[in-house]
Amino acid sequence: MKKSKVIVAIALCGTLFCACTSKESYSANSIKTENNTIYLGNEASGRRLLKDGEYTAEGEGLQGPIKVRMRVRDGFIDRIEVVEHSENSGVVEEAFSSLSRTMIKKQSAEVDTVSGATEASMGVIDAVRKCMRQAGVEA
C-alpha cells in the first residue's frame, strides 16, 4: 500500500514537471517552438501587436499631471519613461521604475499600483493606456 502511494506520488511529480516546462520562445515576428516557427499576423499569444513609434500622453497624479513617453519597436513596448511630473521626488522614482519594468514585461497597462505611491501609479498607468490607444490598442 505504502509502496504504491510513493509510486503514484513520483509519477504525479514527473507529470507536473513536464507540464510546467515550455520549449517556446517569442519574438516580435514569430513564435518559435522546438520543431517549427509560426509567423504572426496581428496577434502574438493573445496580444495585439502595436504600431512602432514613440507615443506621449498624460495621466493625473496626486500633485498634478504626469507625462509619459512610450516607445514601441517591432510591435512591442520596449521603453516607458516618465518625462515630467510634479510628484514628490525620491518618493515616486522607484515606483515609476518598477511600474515601467512590469508593464514592459507584461506588455500591458493592467498592473497593480505601487504601495506608497498609489495616486502617482494610477497616473502613470492611465498615461500608458492612452499611449497604447495611440499605438493601436482598442480600449
Protein backbone atom coordinates (compact mmCIF):
# COMPACT_ATOMS: atom_id res chain seq x y z
CA MET A 1 0.00 0.00 0.00
CA LYS A 2 2.73 2.42 1.04
CA LYS A 3 4.86 1.48 -1.98
CA SER A 4 2.02 2.22 -4.43
CA LYS A 5 1.43 5.66 -2.88
CA VAL A 6 5.11 6.53 -3.37
CA ILE A 7 5.00 5.40 -7.00
CA VAL A 8 1.84 7.45 -7.64
CA ALA A 9 3.43 10.50 -6.00
CA ILE A 10 6.60 10.19 -8.11
CA ALA A 11 4.55 9.79 -11.30
CA LEU A 12 2.45 12.83 -10.42
CA CYS A 13 5.55 14.96 -9.73
CA GLY A 14 7.06 13.88 -13.06
CA THR A 15 3.89 14.79 -14.91
CA LEU A 16 3.71 18.20 -13.26
CA PHE A 17 7.37 18.90 -14.03
CA CYS A 18 6.93 18.06 -17.71
CA ALA A 19 3.73 20.11 -17.95
CA CYS A 20 5.37 23.20 -16.46
CA THR A 21 8.32 23.38 -18.84
CA SER A 22 7.93 25.13 -22.17
CA LYS A 23 10.03 25.00 -25.29
CA GLU A 24 8.52 28.12 -26.81
CA SER A 25 10.23 31.47 -27.28
CA TYR A 26 8.66 34.67 -28.51
CA SER A 27 9.86 37.49 -30.71
CA ALA A 28 8.09 40.35 -32.39
CA ASN A 29 7.65 38.45 -35.64
CA SER A 30 7.23 34.82 -34.69
CA ILE A 31 6.67 32.17 -32.06
CA LYS A 32 9.44 29.59 -32.22
CA THR A 33 8.76 26.14 -30.92
CA GLU A 34 11.08 23.15 -30.76
CA ASN A 35 10.34 21.94 -34.29
CA ASN A 36 8.87 24.86 -36.21
CA THR A 37 8.26 28.59 -36.40
CA ILE A 38 4.79 30.09 -36.54
CA TYR A 39 4.74 33.55 -38.09
CA LEU A 40 2.38 36.02 -36.50
CA GLY A 41 -0.34 38.01 -38.09
CA ASN A 42 -1.82 40.70 -35.90
CA GLU A 43 -1.62 38.80 -32.64
CA ALA A 44 1.11 37.26 -30.51
CA SER A 45 -0.07 34.94 -27.77
CA GLY A 46 -3.33 36.86 -27.45
CA ARG A 47 -1.62 40.25 -27.53
CA ARG A 48 -2.14 42.63 -30.38
CA LEU A 49 1.00 43.96 -31.98
CA LEU A 50 1.34 47.73 -31.66
CA LYS A 51 2.33 50.28 -34.29
CA ASP A 52 6.01 51.18 -34.00
CA GLY A 53 6.83 54.69 -32.80
CA GLU A 54 7.01 56.93 -29.76
CA TYR A 55 3.83 57.98 -28.02
CA THR A 56 3.31 60.61 -25.33
CA ALA A 57 0.35 61.05 -23.01
CA GLU A 58 -0.56 62.42 -19.58
CA GLY A 59 -2.26 60.95 -16.57
CA GLU A 60 -3.26 62.65 -13.34
CA GLY A 61 -1.11 62.06 -10.24
CA LEU A 62 -1.55 63.29 -6.68
CA GLN A 63 0.35 66.55 -7.30
CA GLY A 64 -0.66 67.16 -10.92
CA PRO A 65 -0.16 65.77 -14.43
CA ILE A 66 2.35 63.00 -15.13
CA LYS A 67 3.71 62.94 -18.69
CA VAL A 68 4.82 59.56 -20.02
CA ARG A 69 6.65 58.58 -23.20
CA MET A 70 6.27 55.02 -24.51
CA ARG A 71 8.31 53.51 -27.33
CA VAL A 72 7.17 50.59 -29.48
CA ARG A 73 9.67 48.64 -31.59
CA ASP A 74 8.87 45.58 -33.68
CA GLY A 75 5.30 45.73 -32.41
CA PHE A 76 6.16 45.51 -28.71
CA ILE A 77 6.65 48.08 -25.94
CA ASP A 78 10.36 48.35 -25.22
CA ARG A 79 10.56 51.59 -23.23
CA ILE A 80 8.29 53.50 -20.86
CA GLU A 81 9.60 56.60 -19.15
CA VAL A 82 8.12 59.37 -17.06
CA VAL A 83 9.36 62.57 -18.67
CA GLU A 84 7.63 65.16 -16.50
CA HIS A 85 5.84 65.18 -13.15
CA SER A 86 5.14 67.26 -10.04
CA GLU A 87 5.16 64.38 -7.54
CA ASN A 88 7.50 64.31 -4.53
CA SER A 89 10.92 63.45 -5.94
CA GLY A 90 12.58 60.49 -4.32
CA VAL A 91 9.29 59.00 -3.18
CA VAL A 92 7.96 58.07 -6.61
CA GLU A 93 11.13 57.46 -8.61
CA GLU A 94 11.37 53.77 -7.65
CA ALA A 95 7.62 53.36 -8.16
CA PHE A 96 7.89 54.77 -11.70
CA SER A 97 10.81 52.46 -12.46
CA SER A 98 9.02 49.41 -11.06
CA LEU A 99 5.83 50.17 -12.98
CA SER A 100 7.75 50.64 -16.22
CA ARG A 101 9.58 47.31 -15.85
CA THR A 102 6.35 45.46 -15.02
CA MET A 103 4.35 46.97 -17.89
CA ILE A 104 7.13 46.22 -20.38
CA LYS A 105 7.40 42.65 -19.12
CA LYS A 106 3.62 42.11 -19.30
CA GLN A 107 3.17 44.23 -22.45
CA SER A 108 0.13 45.64 -20.69
CA ALA A 109 -1.04 48.51 -18.51
CA GLU A 110 -3.08 46.04 -16.46
CA VAL A 111 -0.73 46.12 -13.46
CA ASP A 112 -1.06 46.79 -9.74
CA THR A 113 -0.27 50.20 -8.28
CA VAL A 114 2.81 50.62 -6.09
CA SER A 115 2.08 50.88 -2.37
CA GLY A 116 3.01 54.31 -1.03
CA ALA A 117 2.66 55.91 -4.46
CA THR A 118 -0.86 54.84 -5.38
CA GLU A 119 -2.10 58.07 -6.98
CA ALA A 120 1.14 58.57 -8.91
CA SER A 121 0.98 54.93 -10.06
CA MET A 122 -2.57 55.40 -11.29
CA GLY A 123 -1.45 58.49 -13.24
CA VAL A 124 1.36 56.57 -14.95
CA ILE A 125 -0.90 53.62 -15.73
CA ASP A 126 -3.55 55.93 -17.20
CA ALA A 127 -0.94 57.69 -19.35
CA VAL A 128 0.41 54.36 -20.64
CA ARG A 129 -3.13 53.24 -21.50
CA LYS A 130 -3.54 56.42 -23.55
CA CYS A 131 -0.21 55.76 -25.30
CA MET A 132 -1.32 52.21 -26.07
CA ARG A 133 -4.54 53.52 -27.63
CA GLN A 134 -2.43 55.82 -29.83
CA ALA A 135 -0.36 52.77 -30.83
CA GLY A 136 -3.43 50.84 -31.94
CA VAL A 137 -4.85 49.03 -28.92
CA GLU A 138 -8.61 49.27 -28.77
CA ALA A 139 -9.76 50.09 -25.25
